[in-house]
Amino acid sequence: MSNIVWSKMQCHFCDMAKRLLEQKEIVYEERMIGEGWTTEQLLEAVPNVRTVPQIILDGKLIGSYDNLVEHFKKIDKEKYARD
């Protein structure tokens, strides 16, 4: 799967990112640190990150929750510019 959300327990921004993806009907794989996934695996997939969530869509690193919101704003703006 090319849509991945790296997250951890009790992470408000992780929950908001997952909720936003679900609202957009985007299917994703959650990789929760401490629940079968390690920080080392996160750093191997996304070097030098310091926070979660880390979101990957269509194999492309989007980044944090704030980056995800901006990503969708850009897509919406491009969509309305074409209409």
Protein backbone atom coordinates (compact mmCIF):
# COMPACT_ATOMS: atom_id res chain seq x y z
CA MET A 1 0.00 0.00 0.00
CA SER A 2 1.34 3.40 -0.84
CA ASN A 3 -0.71 5.35 1.75
CA ILE A 4 0.89 5.13 5.20
CA VAL A 5 0.40 6.99 8.46
CA TRP A 6 3.18 6.61 11.02
CA SER A 7 1.65 7.31 14.42
CA LYS A 8 1.83 6.60 18.15
CA MET A 9 -0.64 6.20 21.00
CA GLN A 10 -2.19 9.30 22.56
CA CYS A 11 -1.16 11.54 19.67
CA HIS A 12 -3.80 14.18 18.98
CA PHE A 13 -2.28 15.18 15.62
CA CYS A 14 -2.11 11.52 14.58
CA ASP A 15 -5.82 11.14 15.35
CA MET A 16 -6.67 14.30 13.42
CA ALA A 17 -4.65 13.14 10.40
CA LYS A 18 -6.36 9.75 10.36
CA ARG A 19 -9.77 11.39 10.70
CA LEU A 20 -9.03 13.75 7.80
CA LEU A 21 -7.91 10.87 5.57
CA GLU A 22 -11.07 8.95 6.45
CA GLN A 23 -13.22 12.00 5.62
CA LYS A 24 -11.49 12.13 2.23
CA GLU A 25 -12.14 8.37 1.88
CA ILE A 26 -8.45 7.62 1.54
CA VAL A 27 -7.48 4.10 2.57
CA TYR A 28 -4.19 3.93 4.48
CA GLU A 29 -2.03 1.58 6.48
CA GLU A 30 -1.34 2.73 10.02
CA ARG A 31 2.11 1.99 11.40
CA MET A 32 1.90 2.66 15.11
CA ILE A 33 5.16 3.03 17.00
CA GLY A 34 5.18 0.57 19.89
CA GLU A 35 2.43 -1.58 18.36
CA GLY A 36 4.43 -3.72 15.96
CA TRP A 37 6.55 -0.87 14.59
CA THR A 38 9.65 0.82 16.00
CA THR A 39 11.10 4.31 15.92
CA GLU A 40 14.04 2.83 14.03
CA GLN A 41 11.72 1.58 11.30
CA LEU A 42 10.14 5.04 11.05
CA LEU A 43 13.58 6.64 10.74
CA GLU A 44 14.56 4.11 8.10
CA ALA A 45 11.44 4.97 6.07
CA VAL A 46 11.57 8.73 6.74
CA PRO A 47 15.08 9.79 7.84
CA ASN A 48 15.60 12.77 10.16
CA VAL A 49 11.97 13.16 11.25
CA ARG A 50 11.31 14.31 14.79
CA THR A 51 7.52 14.07 15.05
CA VAL A 52 4.53 11.95 14.26
CA PRO A 53 2.35 11.64 12.40
CA GLN A 54 4.34 11.18 9.24
CA ILE A 55 2.04 10.73 6.28
CA ILE A 56 2.87 9.16 2.94
CA LEU A 57 0.32 9.32 0.12
CA ASP A 58 0.76 7.54 -3.20
CA GLY A 59 4.31 6.76 -2.13
CA LYS A 60 5.16 10.47 -1.64
CA LEU A 61 6.09 11.91 1.74
CA ILE A 62 3.56 14.54 2.76
CA GLY A 63 4.92 14.96 6.29
CA SER A 64 3.06 16.14 9.39
CA TYR A 65 -0.63 16.82 10.00
CA ASP A 66 -0.13 20.49 9.09
CA ASN A 67 1.54 19.42 5.84
CA LEU A 68 -1.42 17.13 5.13
CA VAL A 69 -3.89 19.99 5.58
CA GLU A 70 -1.83 22.18 3.23
CA HIS A 71 -1.62 19.30 0.72
CA PHE A 72 -5.42 19.08 0.55
CA LYS A 73 -5.82 22.87 0.37
CA LYS A 74 -3.49 22.89 -2.63
CA ILE A 75 -5.41 20.08 -4.31
CA ASP A 76 -8.74 21.86 -3.68
CA LYS A 77 -7.37 25.14 -5.02
CA GLU A 78 -6.08 23.42 -8.18
CA LYS A 79 -9.41 21.65 -8.64
CA TYR A 80 -11.41 24.87 -8.43
CA ALA A 81 -8.97 26.69 -10.71
CA ARG A 82 -9.72 24.07 -13.41
CA ASP A 83 -13.52 24.27 -13.01
